Amino acid sequence: MAKESEKQRCVNMLADGISQKQISKTLGVSEQTICKWKKSPEFIDEYKLALWGKIRNAVPGAISTLIFLSTKAKNEATRLSAAKDLLDRLGFKPDENIKVNMEPVVIVNDLQE
């Protein structure tokens, strides 16, 4: 039975984008063992947590990049796209539905022959 720390190291290495082959060599376990671990619900949960941690850590940098691009990018289209994306993510997304309130038009033939 593999040590729990090996499984956790495997989880972290996978979340870092390291190949299964390289993990196998580093941990000294077969790729088949890693495949078996990856099917375990506990392993899957730990992997998801590791990925969410990486995403959470990347958020401040991503926001800084959007702010920088929205104000400093040389290309106007890039500035606009970054500004729109930033506003969308802050909850200022425009309503997709267009509402038109208009009275019906009545056509009257007032020309006399």
N, C-alpha and C. Protein backbone atom coordinates (compact mmCIF):
# COMPACT_ATOMS: atom_id res chain seq x y z
N MET A 1 0.85 -1.19 0.00
CA MET A 1 0.00 0.00 0.00
C MET A 1 0.89 1.24 0.00
N ALA A 2 0.55 2.18 -0.83
CA ALA A 2 1.34 3.41 -0.93
C ALA A 2 1.12 4.28 0.30
N LYS A 3 2.18 4.99 0.65
CA LYS A 3 2.06 5.93 1.75
C LYS A 3 1.15 7.07 1.32
N GLU A 4 0.43 7.60 2.27
CA GLU A 4 -0.48 8.70 1.98
C GLU A 4 0.28 9.90 1.45
N SER A 5 1.51 10.11 1.93
CA SER A 5 2.29 11.26 1.46
C SER A 5 2.65 11.13 -0.01
N GLU A 6 2.84 9.89 -0.50
CA GLU A 6 3.11 9.68 -1.93
C GLU A 6 1.92 10.10 -2.76
N LYS A 7 0.73 9.72 -2.30
CA LYS A 7 -0.48 10.10 -3.03
C LYS A 7 -0.64 11.62 -3.04
N GLN A 8 -0.39 12.26 -1.92
CA GLN A 8 -0.51 13.71 -1.84
C GLN A 8 0.52 14.39 -2.74
N ARG A 9 1.74 13.86 -2.75
CA ARG A 9 2.77 14.40 -3.64
C ARG A 9 2.34 14.23 -5.09
N CYS A 10 1.74 13.11 -5.40
CA CYS A 10 1.25 12.86 -6.75
C CYS A 10 0.17 13.87 -7.13
N VAL A 11 -0.76 14.10 -6.21
CA VAL A 11 -1.81 15.10 -6.42
C VAL A 11 -1.20 16.46 -6.74
N ASN A 12 -0.27 16.88 -5.90
CA ASN A 12 0.35 18.20 -6.09
C ASN A 12 1.13 18.29 -7.39
N MET A 13 1.83 17.22 -7.74
CA MET A 13 2.60 17.22 -8.98
C MET A 13 1.68 17.27 -10.20
N LEU A 14 0.59 16.53 -10.15
CA LEU A 14 -0.38 16.58 -11.25
C LEU A 14 -0.96 17.98 -11.39
N ALA A 15 -1.28 18.59 -10.26
CA ALA A 15 -1.84 19.95 -10.28
C ALA A 15 -0.82 20.95 -10.82
N ASP A 16 0.47 20.64 -10.66
CA ASP A 16 1.53 21.51 -11.20
C ASP A 16 1.77 21.26 -12.69
N GLY A 17 1.07 20.28 -13.25
CA GLY A 17 1.20 20.01 -14.68
C GLY A 17 2.31 19.04 -15.03
N ILE A 18 2.83 18.34 -14.04
CA ILE A 18 3.89 17.37 -14.29
C ILE A 18 3.27 16.10 -14.86
N SER A 19 3.94 15.52 -15.85
CA SER A 19 3.40 14.34 -16.52
C SER A 19 3.36 13.14 -15.58
N GLN A 20 2.44 12.26 -15.88
CA GLN A 20 2.29 11.04 -15.09
C GLN A 20 3.56 10.21 -15.16
N LYS A 21 4.20 10.19 -16.31
CA LYS A 21 5.45 9.44 -16.49
C LYS A 21 6.54 9.98 -15.56
N GLN A 22 6.67 11.31 -15.50
CA GLN A 22 7.68 11.92 -14.64
C GLN A 22 7.36 11.68 -13.16
N ILE A 23 6.09 11.77 -12.81
CA ILE A 23 5.67 11.51 -11.42
C ILE A 23 6.03 10.08 -11.04
N SER A 24 5.79 9.16 -11.96
CA SER A 24 6.11 7.76 -11.72
C SER A 24 7.59 7.58 -11.41
N LYS A 25 8.44 8.23 -12.18
CA LYS A 25 9.89 8.13 -11.95
C LYS A 25 10.27 8.78 -10.62
N THR A 26 9.71 9.95 -10.35
CA THR A 26 10.06 10.69 -9.13
C THR A 26 9.64 9.94 -7.87
N LEU A 27 8.43 9.39 -7.88
CA LEU A 27 7.91 8.72 -6.69
C LEU A 27 8.33 7.26 -6.60
N GLY A 28 8.81 6.71 -7.72
CA GLY A 28 9.20 5.30 -7.71
C GLY A 28 8.01 4.36 -7.69
N VAL A 29 6.93 4.78 -8.32
CA VAL A 29 5.75 3.92 -8.44
C VAL A 29 5.42 3.78 -9.93
N SER A 30 4.67 2.76 -10.26
CA SER A 30 4.33 2.54 -11.67
C SER A 30 3.24 3.52 -12.12
N GLU A 31 3.18 3.74 -13.41
CA GLU A 31 2.11 4.58 -13.96
C GLU A 31 0.76 3.92 -13.73
N GLN A 32 0.74 2.61 -13.72
CA GLN A 32 -0.50 1.87 -13.45
C GLN A 32 -1.01 2.19 -12.04
N THR A 33 -0.08 2.30 -11.08
CA THR A 33 -0.47 2.65 -9.71
C THR A 33 -1.07 4.05 -9.68
N ILE A 34 -0.46 4.97 -10.40
CA ILE A 34 -0.99 6.34 -10.46
C ILE A 34 -2.38 6.34 -11.07
N CYS A 35 -2.57 5.56 -12.13
CA CYS A 35 -3.90 5.45 -12.76
C CYS A 35 -4.93 4.94 -11.75
N LYS A 36 -4.53 3.97 -10.94
CA LYS A 36 -5.43 3.42 -9.92
C LYS A 36 -5.76 4.49 -8.88
N TRP A 37 -4.74 5.23 -8.44
CA TRP A 37 -4.97 6.31 -7.49
C TRP A 37 -5.96 7.33 -8.04
N LYS A 38 -5.79 7.68 -9.30
CA LYS A 38 -6.61 8.73 -9.93
C LYS A 38 -8.09 8.37 -9.99
N LYS A 39 -8.42 7.09 -9.86
CA LYS A 39 -9.82 6.65 -9.89
C LYS A 39 -10.48 6.75 -8.52
N SER A 40 -9.69 6.92 -7.49
CA SER A 40 -10.21 6.97 -6.13
C SER A 40 -10.93 8.30 -5.88
N PRO A 41 -12.15 8.26 -5.31
CA PRO A 41 -12.88 9.50 -5.02
C PRO A 41 -12.10 10.46 -4.13
N GLU A 42 -11.36 9.91 -3.16
CA GLU A 42 -10.57 10.78 -2.27
C GLU A 42 -9.47 11.50 -3.05
N PHE A 43 -8.82 10.77 -3.95
CA PHE A 43 -7.76 11.35 -4.77
C PHE A 43 -8.33 12.46 -5.66
N ILE A 44 -9.48 12.17 -6.27
CA ILE A 44 -10.13 13.15 -7.14
C ILE A 44 -10.47 14.41 -6.36
N ASP A 45 -11.00 14.25 -5.14
CA ASP A 45 -11.32 15.41 -4.31
C ASP A 45 -10.07 16.22 -3.97
N GLU A 46 -9.00 15.53 -3.60
CA GLU A 46 -7.74 16.22 -3.28
C GLU A 46 -7.18 16.94 -4.50
N TYR A 47 -7.29 16.33 -5.65
CA TYR A 47 -6.81 16.94 -6.90
C TYR A 47 -7.60 18.22 -7.20
N LYS A 48 -8.92 18.14 -7.05
CA LYS A 48 -9.75 19.33 -7.27
C LYS A 48 -9.38 20.45 -6.31
N LEU A 49 -9.16 20.10 -5.04
CA LEU A 49 -8.75 21.10 -4.06
C LEU A 49 -7.42 21.74 -4.44
N ALA A 50 -6.48 20.92 -4.91
CA ALA A 50 -5.17 21.44 -5.32
C ALA A 50 -5.32 22.39 -6.50
N LEU A 51 -6.15 22.03 -7.47
CA LEU A 51 -6.37 22.90 -8.63
C LEU A 51 -7.04 24.21 -8.22
N TRP A 52 -8.05 24.13 -7.35
CA TRP A 52 -8.73 25.34 -6.89
C TRP A 52 -7.76 26.26 -6.14
N GLY A 53 -6.85 25.66 -5.39
CA GLY A 53 -5.85 26.45 -4.69
C GLY A 53 -4.97 27.21 -5.66
N LYS A 54 -4.58 26.56 -6.74
CA LYS A 54 -3.76 27.22 -7.77
C LYS A 54 -4.54 28.34 -8.44
N ILE A 55 -5.80 28.09 -8.73
CA ILE A 55 -6.64 29.12 -9.36
C ILE A 55 -6.80 30.31 -8.42
N ARG A 56 -7.08 30.03 -7.16
CA ARG A 56 -7.27 31.08 -6.16
C ARG A 56 -6.01 31.94 -6.05
N ASN A 57 -4.85 31.30 -6.10
CA ASN A 57 -3.59 32.04 -6.02
C ASN A 57 -3.32 32.88 -7.26
N ALA A 58 -3.90 32.50 -8.39
CA ALA A 58 -3.67 33.22 -9.64
C ALA A 58 -4.61 34.41 -9.83
N VAL A 59 -5.69 34.48 -9.06
CA VAL A 59 -6.70 35.52 -9.25
C VAL A 59 -6.14 36.95 -9.11
N PRO A 60 -5.40 37.27 -8.07
CA PRO A 60 -4.90 38.65 -7.96
C PRO A 60 -4.05 39.08 -9.17
N GLY A 61 -3.20 38.18 -9.65
CA GLY A 61 -2.39 38.49 -10.82
C GLY A 61 -3.23 38.69 -12.07
N ALA A 62 -4.27 37.87 -12.21
CA ALA A 62 -5.15 37.99 -13.38
C ALA A 62 -5.89 39.32 -13.36
N ILE A 63 -6.36 39.73 -12.20
CA ILE A 63 -7.05 41.01 -12.08
C ILE A 63 -6.09 42.16 -12.37
N SER A 64 -4.87 42.08 -11.85
CA SER A 64 -3.87 43.12 -12.13
C SER A 64 -3.58 43.21 -13.61
N THR A 65 -3.51 42.07 -14.28
CA THR A 65 -3.27 42.06 -15.72
C THR A 65 -4.42 42.73 -16.47
N LEU A 66 -5.65 42.42 -16.08
CA LEU A 66 -6.80 43.05 -16.74
C LEU A 66 -6.80 44.56 -16.52
N ILE A 67 -6.48 45.00 -15.32
CA ILE A 67 -6.43 46.44 -15.04
C ILE A 67 -5.34 47.09 -15.88
N PHE A 68 -4.17 46.46 -15.93
CA PHE A 68 -3.07 46.99 -16.73
C PHE A 68 -3.45 47.08 -18.20
N LEU A 69 -4.01 46.00 -18.74
CA LEU A 69 -4.38 45.99 -20.16
C LEU A 69 -5.47 47.01 -20.46
N SER A 70 -6.41 47.18 -19.54
CA SER A 70 -7.51 48.10 -19.80
C SER A 70 -7.07 49.56 -19.81
N THR A 71 -5.92 49.84 -19.23
CA THR A 71 -5.45 51.23 -19.16
C THR A 71 -4.17 51.49 -19.94
N LYS A 72 -3.33 50.48 -20.11
CA LYS A 72 -2.00 50.71 -20.68
C LYS A 72 -1.73 50.03 -22.03
N ALA A 73 -2.61 49.15 -22.45
CA ALA A 73 -2.36 48.45 -23.72
C ALA A 73 -2.30 49.46 -24.86
N LYS A 74 -1.40 49.21 -25.81
CA LYS A 74 -1.23 50.12 -26.95
C LYS A 74 -2.40 50.02 -27.92
N ASN A 75 -2.96 48.84 -28.04
CA ASN A 75 -4.05 48.60 -28.97
C ASN A 75 -5.39 48.95 -28.33
N GLU A 76 -6.15 49.79 -29.00
CA GLU A 76 -7.45 50.24 -28.46
C GLU A 76 -8.42 49.07 -28.28
N ALA A 77 -8.39 48.12 -29.21
CA ALA A 77 -9.29 46.97 -29.11
C ALA A 77 -8.95 46.13 -27.88
N THR A 78 -7.66 46.01 -27.58
CA THR A 78 -7.24 45.27 -26.39
C THR A 78 -7.69 45.98 -25.12
N ARG A 79 -7.55 47.30 -25.09
CA ARG A 79 -7.99 48.07 -23.91
C ARG A 79 -9.49 47.90 -23.71
N LEU A 80 -10.25 48.01 -24.80
CA LEU A 80 -11.70 47.86 -24.71
C LEU A 80 -12.09 46.47 -24.23
N SER A 81 -11.48 45.45 -24.82
CA SER A 81 -11.79 44.07 -24.45
C SER A 81 -11.47 43.81 -22.97
N ALA A 82 -10.32 44.29 -22.52
CA ALA A 82 -9.93 44.09 -21.11
C ALA A 82 -10.88 44.84 -20.18
N ALA A 83 -11.26 46.06 -20.55
CA ALA A 83 -12.17 46.85 -19.72
C ALA A 83 -13.53 46.16 -19.63
N LYS A 84 -14.04 45.68 -20.76
CA LYS A 84 -15.34 44.99 -20.76
C LYS A 84 -15.28 43.71 -19.91
N ASP A 85 -14.19 42.96 -20.06
CA ASP A 85 -14.04 41.73 -19.29
C ASP A 85 -13.97 42.03 -17.80
N LEU A 86 -13.23 43.04 -17.44
CA LEU A 86 -13.11 43.44 -16.04
C LEU A 86 -14.48 43.84 -15.47
N LEU A 87 -15.21 44.66 -16.20
CA LEU A 87 -16.55 45.08 -15.75
C LEU A 87 -17.51 43.90 -15.65
N ASP A 88 -17.45 43.01 -16.64
CA ASP A 88 -18.30 41.81 -16.61
C ASP A 88 -18.05 41.00 -15.34
N ARG A 89 -16.79 40.81 -15.01
CA ARG A 89 -16.43 39.98 -13.86
C ARG A 89 -16.76 40.66 -12.53
N LEU A 90 -16.91 41.97 -12.56
CA LEU A 90 -17.29 42.70 -11.35
C LEU A 90 -18.81 42.82 -11.21
N GLY A 91 -19.53 42.22 -12.16
CA GLY A 91 -20.99 42.21 -12.07
C GLY A 91 -21.69 43.32 -12.83
N PHE A 92 -20.96 44.03 -13.68
CA PHE A 92 -21.56 45.11 -14.46
C PHE A 92 -21.84 44.68 -15.90
N LYS A 93 -22.16 43.41 -16.07
CA LYS A 93 -22.44 42.90 -17.40
C LYS A 93 -23.76 43.49 -17.91
N PRO A 94 -23.76 43.98 -19.15
CA PRO A 94 -25.00 44.57 -19.66
C PRO A 94 -26.07 43.51 -19.88
N ASP A 95 -27.30 43.94 -19.80
CA ASP A 95 -28.44 43.06 -20.03
C ASP A 95 -28.45 42.66 -21.50
N GLU A 96 -28.56 41.37 -21.75
CA GLU A 96 -28.54 40.85 -23.12
C GLU A 96 -29.87 41.10 -23.84
N ASN A 97 -30.93 41.33 -23.07
CA ASN A 97 -32.25 41.50 -23.67
C ASN A 97 -32.52 42.97 -23.96
N ILE A 98 -33.01 43.21 -25.14
CA ILE A 98 -33.38 44.57 -25.52
C ILE A 98 -34.89 44.69 -25.36
N LYS A 99 -35.31 45.67 -24.58
CA LYS A 99 -36.74 45.86 -24.35
C LYS A 99 -37.19 47.09 -25.11
N VAL A 100 -38.19 46.89 -25.93
CA VAL A 100 -38.71 48.00 -26.73
C VAL A 100 -40.16 48.22 -26.33
N ASN A 101 -40.45 49.42 -25.87
CA ASN A 101 -41.82 49.79 -25.55
C ASN A 101 -42.29 50.75 -26.62
N MET A 102 -43.19 50.28 -27.46
CA MET A 102 -43.61 51.09 -28.57
C MET A 102 -45.09 50.85 -28.83
N GLU A 103 -45.79 51.93 -29.06
CA GLU A 103 -47.20 51.82 -29.41
C GLU A 103 -47.32 51.33 -30.86
N PRO A 104 -48.37 50.59 -31.15
CA PRO A 104 -48.54 50.14 -32.53
C PRO A 104 -48.74 51.33 -33.46
N VAL A 105 -48.24 51.19 -34.64
CA VAL A 105 -48.37 52.25 -35.65
C VAL A 105 -49.61 51.97 -36.48
N VAL A 106 -50.46 52.98 -36.60
CA VAL A 106 -51.66 52.84 -37.41
C VAL A 106 -51.43 53.62 -38.70
N ILE A 107 -51.57 52.94 -39.80
CA ILE A 107 -51.40 53.60 -41.10
C ILE A 107 -52.77 54.03 -41.60
N VAL A 108 -52.86 55.28 -41.85
CA VAL A 108 -54.11 55.85 -42.31
C VAL A 108 -53.93 56.35 -43.73
N ASN A 109 -54.82 55.94 -44.58
CA ASN A 109 -54.76 56.42 -45.96
C ASN A 109 -55.63 57.67 -46.01
N ASP A 110 -55.00 58.81 -45.91
CA ASP A 110 -55.78 60.06 -45.93
C ASP A 110 -55.67 60.77 -47.27
N LEU A 111 -55.16 60.08 -48.24
CA LEU A 111 -55.12 60.67 -49.57
C LEU A 111 -56.45 60.39 -50.28
N GLN A 112 -57.00 61.41 -50.84
CA GLN A 112 -58.26 61.23 -51.54
C GLN A 112 -58.00 61.18 -53.04
N GLU A 113 -58.69 60.35 -53.67
CA GLU A 113 -58.50 60.21 -55.11
C GLU A 113 -59.43 61.10 -55.88
